[in-house]
Amino acid sequence: MSVNVFRVCAIGAFSIVTALPQDAATAVYKKQLDDLHAQYSRVLVSAEQMDSTNLKARLSLTQEEFALLRLVHRLSETALEANLQGLKSGQPENPALKLVSLTCDAMGYVLTSIQNYADTGNPIFLNLARSGDALVSATQKAM
């Protein structure tokens, strides 16, 4: 069994992963994505239920969205980095890691749309978030 050596920084929901077989490493990234997706889903529901005239609620949503957006971007980056490390060690491209990254990018779009909704109260951004969520679902199903 080939070994894909890489490291994921320990941030929030992330684990330290070193010297795991490629399949096990991919499973870790998928698990992290599942965990972030659960948080993402809660933020989306919060946005849909938020009173856009309530400044305190908008600020709370902004803070929650921003923290999650950072984690989503980090997972996307580390999944691509893990794929690159695998390539450097002679492994083939890992489509699952690329799908993890792509799903994170789609979640980033939705979270940014939610941020814009929280900032402005303009429902067009909430509608864009809902539309983007279909892309998130499609990329997750592709895994």
N, C-alpha and C. Protein backbone atom coordinates (compact mmCIF):
# COMPACT_ATOMS: atom_id res chain seq x y z
N MET A 1 0.85 -1.18 0.00
CA MET A 1 0.00 0.00 0.00
C MET A 1 0.90 1.24 0.00
N SER A 2 0.64 2.15 -0.92
CA SER A 2 1.45 3.36 -1.01
C SER A 2 1.06 4.33 0.10
N VAL A 3 2.00 5.15 0.47
CA VAL A 3 1.78 6.10 1.55
C VAL A 3 1.91 7.49 0.99
N ASN A 4 0.96 8.33 1.33
CA ASN A 4 0.94 9.72 0.92
C ASN A 4 1.27 10.54 2.16
N VAL A 5 2.44 11.14 2.22
CA VAL A 5 2.87 11.85 3.40
C VAL A 5 2.54 13.33 3.24
N PHE A 6 1.80 13.86 4.19
CA PHE A 6 1.47 15.27 4.21
C PHE A 6 1.03 15.64 5.60
N ARG A 7 0.78 16.92 5.80
CA ARG A 7 0.39 17.40 7.11
C ARG A 7 -0.73 18.41 6.97
N VAL A 8 -1.73 18.30 7.80
CA VAL A 8 -2.81 19.27 7.86
C VAL A 8 -2.66 20.02 9.17
N CYS A 9 -2.66 21.34 9.11
CA CYS A 9 -2.53 22.14 10.32
C CYS A 9 -3.73 21.92 11.23
N ALA A 10 -3.50 21.93 12.51
CA ALA A 10 -4.58 21.76 13.47
C ALA A 10 -5.26 23.10 13.70
N ILE A 11 -6.43 23.28 13.06
CA ILE A 11 -7.22 24.49 13.22
C ILE A 11 -8.66 24.05 13.40
N GLY A 12 -9.28 24.48 14.47
CA GLY A 12 -10.69 24.18 14.66
C GLY A 12 -11.01 22.71 14.48
N ALA A 13 -11.75 22.39 13.43
CA ALA A 13 -12.21 21.03 13.19
C ALA A 13 -11.16 20.15 12.53
N PHE A 14 -10.00 20.71 12.23
CA PHE A 14 -9.00 19.95 11.49
C PHE A 14 -8.15 19.09 12.42
N SER A 15 -7.73 17.97 11.91
CA SER A 15 -6.88 17.04 12.64
C SER A 15 -5.48 17.10 12.08
N ILE A 16 -4.53 16.65 12.85
CA ILE A 16 -3.18 16.50 12.32
C ILE A 16 -3.12 15.14 11.64
N VAL A 17 -2.73 15.15 10.38
CA VAL A 17 -2.69 13.92 9.60
C VAL A 17 -1.30 13.78 9.02
N THR A 18 -0.61 12.71 9.36
CA THR A 18 0.71 12.48 8.80
C THR A 18 0.86 11.02 8.42
N ALA A 19 1.51 10.79 7.32
CA ALA A 19 1.88 9.44 6.87
C ALA A 19 0.73 8.45 6.87
N LEU A 20 -0.40 8.87 6.37
CA LEU A 20 -1.54 7.96 6.26
C LEU A 20 -1.58 7.40 4.84
N PRO A 21 -2.07 6.19 4.68
CA PRO A 21 -2.30 5.71 3.32
C PRO A 21 -3.27 6.67 2.61
N GLN A 22 -3.14 6.76 1.29
CA GLN A 22 -3.91 7.74 0.54
C GLN A 22 -5.41 7.61 0.79
N ASP A 23 -5.95 6.39 0.81
CA ASP A 23 -7.38 6.21 1.04
C ASP A 23 -7.80 6.70 2.42
N ALA A 24 -6.98 6.44 3.42
CA ALA A 24 -7.29 6.90 4.78
C ALA A 24 -7.23 8.42 4.86
N ALA A 25 -6.26 9.01 4.19
CA ALA A 25 -6.14 10.47 4.19
C ALA A 25 -7.35 11.10 3.52
N THR A 26 -7.77 10.53 2.41
CA THR A 26 -8.94 11.03 1.70
C THR A 26 -10.17 10.95 2.59
N ALA A 27 -10.29 9.87 3.34
CA ALA A 27 -11.43 9.71 4.25
C ALA A 27 -11.43 10.79 5.32
N VAL A 28 -10.26 11.19 5.79
CA VAL A 28 -10.16 12.26 6.79
C VAL A 28 -10.68 13.57 6.19
N TYR A 29 -10.27 13.87 4.97
CA TYR A 29 -10.74 15.10 4.33
C TYR A 29 -12.25 15.07 4.10
N LYS A 30 -12.78 13.93 3.71
CA LYS A 30 -14.22 13.83 3.51
C LYS A 30 -14.96 14.01 4.83
N LYS A 31 -14.41 13.46 5.91
CA LYS A 31 -15.03 13.61 7.24
C LYS A 31 -15.01 15.08 7.66
N GLN A 32 -13.89 15.75 7.43
CA GLN A 32 -13.80 17.17 7.77
C GLN A 32 -14.80 17.98 6.94
N LEU A 33 -14.94 17.62 5.67
CA LEU A 33 -15.92 18.29 4.82
C LEU A 33 -17.33 18.06 5.35
N ASP A 34 -17.63 16.84 5.73
CA ASP A 34 -18.96 16.55 6.29
C ASP A 34 -19.23 17.38 7.54
N ASP A 35 -18.22 17.50 8.40
CA ASP A 35 -18.38 18.29 9.63
C ASP A 35 -18.62 19.77 9.30
N LEU A 36 -17.84 20.30 8.36
CA LEU A 36 -18.02 21.71 7.97
C LEU A 36 -19.36 21.90 7.26
N HIS A 37 -19.78 20.92 6.50
CA HIS A 37 -21.07 21.04 5.80
C HIS A 37 -22.22 21.11 6.80
N ALA A 38 -22.13 20.39 7.89
CA ALA A 38 -23.17 20.46 8.92
C ALA A 38 -23.25 21.87 9.50
N GLN A 39 -22.10 22.47 9.77
CA GLN A 39 -22.07 23.85 10.28
C GLN A 39 -22.59 24.81 9.22
N TYR A 40 -22.18 24.59 7.99
CA TYR A 40 -22.61 25.41 6.86
C TYR A 40 -24.13 25.38 6.73
N SER A 41 -24.72 24.20 6.86
CA SER A 41 -26.17 24.06 6.75
C SER A 41 -26.88 24.85 7.83
N ARG A 42 -26.33 24.84 9.03
CA ARG A 42 -26.92 25.61 10.14
C ARG A 42 -26.85 27.11 9.85
N VAL A 43 -25.74 27.57 9.28
CA VAL A 43 -25.60 28.99 8.95
C VAL A 43 -26.61 29.38 7.87
N LEU A 44 -26.79 28.52 6.89
CA LEU A 44 -27.75 28.81 5.82
C LEU A 44 -29.17 28.91 6.38
N VAL A 45 -29.52 28.00 7.27
CA VAL A 45 -30.85 28.05 7.90
C VAL A 45 -30.98 29.32 8.74
N SER A 46 -29.93 29.69 9.47
CA SER A 46 -29.96 30.91 10.27
C SER A 46 -30.19 32.14 9.39
N ALA A 47 -29.53 32.15 8.24
CA ALA A 47 -29.70 33.28 7.32
C ALA A 47 -31.14 33.36 6.81
N GLU A 48 -31.70 32.21 6.50
CA GLU A 48 -33.07 32.18 5.99
C GLU A 48 -34.08 32.63 7.05
N GLN A 49 -33.77 32.39 8.31
CA GLN A 49 -34.69 32.73 9.40
C GLN A 49 -34.41 34.10 10.01
N MET A 50 -33.31 34.72 9.61
CA MET A 50 -32.90 35.99 10.21
C MET A 50 -33.85 37.13 9.83
N ASP A 51 -34.11 37.97 10.80
CA ASP A 51 -34.84 39.22 10.55
C ASP A 51 -33.82 40.22 10.03
N SER A 52 -33.90 40.55 8.75
CA SER A 52 -32.88 41.40 8.13
C SER A 52 -32.87 42.83 8.67
N THR A 53 -33.88 43.19 9.46
CA THR A 53 -33.88 44.53 10.05
C THR A 53 -33.22 44.55 11.43
N ASN A 54 -32.90 43.38 11.96
CA ASN A 54 -32.31 43.26 13.29
C ASN A 54 -30.78 43.31 13.16
N LEU A 55 -30.19 44.45 13.53
CA LEU A 55 -28.74 44.62 13.38
C LEU A 55 -27.94 43.65 14.23
N LYS A 56 -28.43 43.33 15.42
CA LYS A 56 -27.72 42.39 16.29
C LYS A 56 -27.70 40.99 15.66
N ALA A 57 -28.82 40.58 15.09
CA ALA A 57 -28.88 39.27 14.42
C ALA A 57 -27.97 39.25 13.20
N ARG A 58 -27.92 40.35 12.47
CA ARG A 58 -27.05 40.43 11.29
C ARG A 58 -25.58 40.34 11.70
N LEU A 59 -25.21 41.00 12.78
CA LEU A 59 -23.83 40.94 13.26
C LEU A 59 -23.47 39.54 13.71
N SER A 60 -24.36 38.89 14.42
CA SER A 60 -24.11 37.53 14.88
C SER A 60 -23.92 36.58 13.70
N LEU A 61 -24.77 36.71 12.70
CA LEU A 61 -24.64 35.88 11.51
C LEU A 61 -23.32 36.15 10.79
N THR A 62 -22.94 37.42 10.72
CA THR A 62 -21.67 37.79 10.08
C THR A 62 -20.50 37.13 10.77
N GLN A 63 -20.47 37.16 12.08
CA GLN A 63 -19.37 36.57 12.84
C GLN A 63 -19.31 35.05 12.63
N GLU A 64 -20.45 34.41 12.68
CA GLU A 64 -20.51 32.96 12.49
C GLU A 64 -20.07 32.58 11.08
N GLU A 65 -20.55 33.32 10.09
CA GLU A 65 -20.22 33.05 8.70
C GLU A 65 -18.73 33.24 8.45
N PHE A 66 -18.15 34.30 9.00
CA PHE A 66 -16.74 34.59 8.75
C PHE A 66 -15.84 33.49 9.33
N ALA A 67 -16.14 33.05 10.52
CA ALA A 67 -15.33 31.99 11.14
C ALA A 67 -15.41 30.71 10.31
N LEU A 68 -16.60 30.37 9.86
CA LEU A 68 -16.77 29.16 9.05
C LEU A 68 -16.11 29.31 7.68
N LEU A 69 -16.20 30.48 7.09
CA LEU A 69 -15.58 30.72 5.79
C LEU A 69 -14.07 30.49 5.85
N ARG A 70 -13.45 30.92 6.92
CA ARG A 70 -12.01 30.69 7.08
C ARG A 70 -11.69 29.20 7.12
N LEU A 71 -12.48 28.43 7.84
CA LEU A 71 -12.26 26.98 7.92
C LEU A 71 -12.49 26.30 6.57
N VAL A 72 -13.51 26.74 5.86
CA VAL A 72 -13.81 26.16 4.54
C VAL A 72 -12.67 26.43 3.57
N HIS A 73 -12.17 27.68 3.57
CA HIS A 73 -11.04 28.00 2.69
C HIS A 73 -9.80 27.18 3.06
N ARG A 74 -9.59 27.01 4.34
CA ARG A 74 -8.41 26.24 4.79
C ARG A 74 -8.52 24.78 4.36
N LEU A 75 -9.69 24.19 4.48
CA LEU A 75 -9.84 22.80 4.06
C LEU A 75 -9.63 22.67 2.55
N SER A 76 -10.14 23.59 1.79
CA SER A 76 -9.94 23.57 0.34
C SER A 76 -8.45 23.60 0.02
N GLU A 77 -7.75 24.49 0.67
CA GLU A 77 -6.31 24.65 0.44
C GLU A 77 -5.54 23.39 0.84
N THR A 78 -5.84 22.84 1.99
CA THR A 78 -5.09 21.67 2.45
C THR A 78 -5.41 20.42 1.63
N ALA A 79 -6.63 20.31 1.12
CA ALA A 79 -6.96 19.18 0.25
C ALA A 79 -6.15 19.26 -1.04
N LEU A 80 -6.05 20.44 -1.62
CA LEU A 80 -5.24 20.61 -2.83
C LEU A 80 -3.76 20.38 -2.54
N GLU A 81 -3.32 20.83 -1.38
CA GLU A 81 -1.93 20.61 -0.99
C GLU A 81 -1.64 19.12 -0.83
N ALA A 82 -2.58 18.39 -0.25
CA ALA A 82 -2.40 16.95 -0.09
C ALA A 82 -2.33 16.26 -1.45
N ASN A 83 -3.15 16.70 -2.38
CA ASN A 83 -3.10 16.13 -3.73
C ASN A 83 -1.74 16.42 -4.37
N LEU A 84 -1.25 17.62 -4.21
CA LEU A 84 0.06 17.99 -4.75
C LEU A 84 1.17 17.16 -4.13
N GLN A 85 1.11 16.95 -2.83
CA GLN A 85 2.12 16.13 -2.16
C GLN A 85 2.07 14.69 -2.70
N GLY A 86 0.87 14.21 -2.95
CA GLY A 86 0.73 12.88 -3.53
C GLY A 86 1.37 12.80 -4.91
N LEU A 87 1.14 13.83 -5.72
CA LEU A 87 1.76 13.86 -7.05
C LEU A 87 3.27 13.86 -6.96
N LYS A 88 3.81 14.63 -6.01
CA LYS A 88 5.25 14.70 -5.83
C LYS A 88 5.83 13.36 -5.40
N SER A 89 5.02 12.55 -4.72
CA SER A 89 5.51 11.24 -4.28
C SER A 89 5.14 10.12 -5.26
N GLY A 90 4.67 10.52 -6.45
CA GLY A 90 4.40 9.54 -7.49
C GLY A 90 2.99 8.99 -7.54
N GLN A 91 2.10 9.53 -6.74
CA GLN A 91 0.71 9.08 -6.74
C GLN A 91 -0.04 9.75 -7.90
N PRO A 92 -1.10 9.13 -8.39
CA PRO A 92 -1.91 9.78 -9.42
C PRO A 92 -2.77 10.89 -8.80
N GLU A 93 -3.34 11.72 -9.66
CA GLU A 93 -4.28 12.73 -9.18
C GLU A 93 -5.34 12.06 -8.32
N ASN A 94 -5.78 12.74 -7.28
CA ASN A 94 -6.80 12.20 -6.40
C ASN A 94 -8.10 12.97 -6.62
N PRO A 95 -9.02 12.43 -7.42
CA PRO A 95 -10.26 13.15 -7.71
C PRO A 95 -11.06 13.48 -6.45
N ALA A 96 -11.02 12.63 -5.44
CA ALA A 96 -11.78 12.89 -4.21
C ALA A 96 -11.27 14.15 -3.52
N LEU A 97 -9.95 14.34 -3.48
CA LEU A 97 -9.40 15.55 -2.87
C LEU A 97 -9.77 16.79 -3.67
N LYS A 98 -9.79 16.66 -4.98
CA LYS A 98 -10.20 17.79 -5.83
C LYS A 98 -11.68 18.10 -5.63
N LEU A 99 -12.51 17.08 -5.43
CA LEU A 99 -13.93 17.31 -5.16
C LEU A 99 -14.14 17.94 -3.78
N VAL A 100 -13.34 17.54 -2.80
CA VAL A 100 -13.42 18.20 -1.49
C VAL A 100 -13.13 19.68 -1.65
N SER A 101 -12.06 20.00 -2.37
CA SER A 101 -11.70 21.40 -2.58
C SER A 101 -12.79 22.15 -3.34
N LEU A 102 -13.32 21.54 -4.38
CA LEU A 102 -14.36 22.18 -5.18
C LEU A 102 -15.63 22.41 -4.36
N THR A 103 -15.99 21.44 -3.53
CA THR A 103 -17.15 21.61 -2.65
C THR A 103 -16.92 22.77 -1.68
N CYS A 104 -15.72 22.85 -1.14
CA CYS A 104 -15.39 23.96 -0.24
C CYS A 104 -15.50 25.30 -0.97
N ASP A 105 -15.04 25.35 -2.21
CA ASP A 105 -15.14 26.58 -2.99
C ASP A 105 -16.60 26.98 -3.19
N ALA A 106 -17.46 26.00 -3.47
CA ALA A 106 -18.89 26.28 -3.63
C ALA A 106 -19.50 26.75 -2.31
N MET A 107 -19.09 26.12 -1.20
CA MET A 107 -19.59 26.56 0.10
C MET A 107 -19.11 27.97 0.39
N GLY A 108 -17.89 28.30 -0.04
CA GLY A 108 -17.38 29.66 0.13
C GLY A 108 -18.24 30.68 -0.59
N TYR A 109 -18.69 30.34 -1.80
CA TYR A 109 -19.59 31.23 -2.55
C TYR A 109 -20.88 31.47 -1.77
N VAL A 110 -21.46 30.40 -1.25
CA VAL A 110 -22.71 30.52 -0.51
C VAL A 110 -22.50 31.34 0.76
N LEU A 111 -21.41 31.07 1.47
CA LEU A 111 -21.14 31.81 2.70
C LEU A 111 -20.89 33.29 2.42
N THR A 112 -20.22 33.59 1.33
CA THR A 112 -20.01 35.00 0.96
C THR A 112 -21.33 35.66 0.60
N SER A 113 -22.21 34.93 -0.07
CA SER A 113 -23.53 35.47 -0.38
C SER A 113 -24.31 35.74 0.91
N ILE A 114 -24.19 34.83 1.87
CA ILE A 114 -24.84 35.04 3.17
C ILE A 114 -24.25 36.27 3.86
N GLN A 115 -22.94 36.42 3.76
CA GLN A 115 -22.29 37.60 4.34
C GLN A 115 -22.86 38.88 3.73
N ASN A 116 -22.99 38.88 2.42
CA ASN A 116 -23.54 40.06 1.74
C ASN A 116 -24.99 40.32 2.16
N TYR A 117 -25.74 39.26 2.36
CA TYR A 117 -27.11 39.40 2.85
C TYR A 117 -27.13 39.99 4.26
N ALA A 118 -26.24 39.47 5.12
CA ALA A 118 -26.18 39.98 6.49
C ALA A 118 -25.73 41.45 6.49
N ASP A 119 -24.83 41.81 5.59
CA ASP A 119 -24.34 43.19 5.53
C ASP A 119 -25.40 44.17 5.03
N THR A 120 -26.17 43.73 4.04
CA THR A 120 -27.07 44.67 3.36
C THR A 120 -28.54 44.45 3.66
N GLY A 121 -28.90 43.23 4.05
CA GLY A 121 -30.31 42.92 4.23
C GLY A 121 -31.03 42.73 2.90
N ASN A 122 -30.30 42.78 1.79
CA ASN A 122 -30.89 42.66 0.46
C ASN A 122 -31.15 41.18 0.15
N PRO A 123 -32.41 40.81 -0.10
CA PRO A 123 -32.73 39.40 -0.31
C PRO A 123 -32.13 38.78 -1.57
N ILE A 124 -31.63 39.57 -2.50
CA ILE A 124 -31.00 39.00 -3.68
C ILE A 124 -29.82 38.11 -3.28
N PHE A 125 -29.10 38.51 -2.23
CA PHE A 125 -27.95 37.73 -1.77
C PHE A 125 -28.39 36.41 -1.13
N LEU A 126 -29.51 36.42 -0.45
CA LEU A 126 -30.04 35.18 0.11
C LEU A 126 -30.47 34.24 -1.02
N ASN A 127 -31.07 34.79 -2.06
CA ASN A 127 -31.44 33.97 -3.22
C ASN A 127 -30.21 33.39 -3.90
N LEU A 128 -29.14 34.16 -4.01
CA LEU A 128 -27.89 33.65 -4.58
C LEU A 128 -27.32 32.53 -3.70
N ALA A 129 -27.42 32.69 -2.39
CA ALA A 129 -26.95 31.64 -1.48
C ALA A 129 -27.73 30.35 -1.70
N ARG A 130 -29.03 30.47 -1.85
CA ARG A 130 -29.85 29.27 -2.09
C ARG A 130 -29.47 28.61 -3.41
N SER A 131 -29.25 29.42 -4.44
CA SER A 131 -28.86 28.87 -5.74
C SER A 131 -27.50 28.19 -5.64
N GLY A 132 -26.57 28.81 -4.93
CA GLY A 132 -25.25 28.23 -4.74
C GLY A 132 -25.29 26.93 -3.97
N ASP A 133 -26.26 26.80 -3.08
CA ASP A 133 -26.37 25.57 -2.29
C ASP A 133 -26.65 24.37 -3.18
N ALA A 134 -27.33 24.57 -4.31
CA ALA A 134 -27.56 23.47 -5.25
C ALA A 134 -26.22 22.98 -5.81
N LEU A 135 -25.30 23.88 -6.04
CA LEU A 135 -23.97 23.50 -6.53
C LEU A 135 -23.21 22.72 -5.45
N VAL A 136 -23.32 23.15 -4.21
CA VAL A 136 -22.69 22.43 -3.11
C VAL A 136 -23.21 21.01 -3.07
N SER A 137 -24.52 20.85 -3.16
CA SER A 137 -25.13 19.51 -3.14
C SER A 137 -24.65 18.66 -4.30
N ALA A 138 -24.56 19.28 -5.48
CA ALA A 138 -24.13 18.52 -6.67
C ALA A 138 -22.68 18.05 -6.53
N THR A 139 -21.79 18.88 -6.01
CA THR A 139 -20.40 18.45 -5.87
C THR A 139 -20.26 17.39 -4.78
N GLN A 140 -21.05 17.49 -3.74
CA GLN A 140 -21.00 16.46 -2.70
C GLN A 140 -21.49 15.12 -3.24
N LYS A 141 -22.52 15.15 -4.04
CA LYS A 141 -23.05 13.90 -4.61
C LYS A 141 -22.06 13.26 -5.58
N ALA A 142 -21.22 14.08 -6.19
CA ALA A 142 -20.22 13.55 -7.14
C ALA A 142 -19.16 12.72 -6.42
N MET A 143 -19.03 12.89 -5.12
CA MET A 143 -18.03 12.12 -4.38
C MET A 143 -18.56 10.75 -4.18
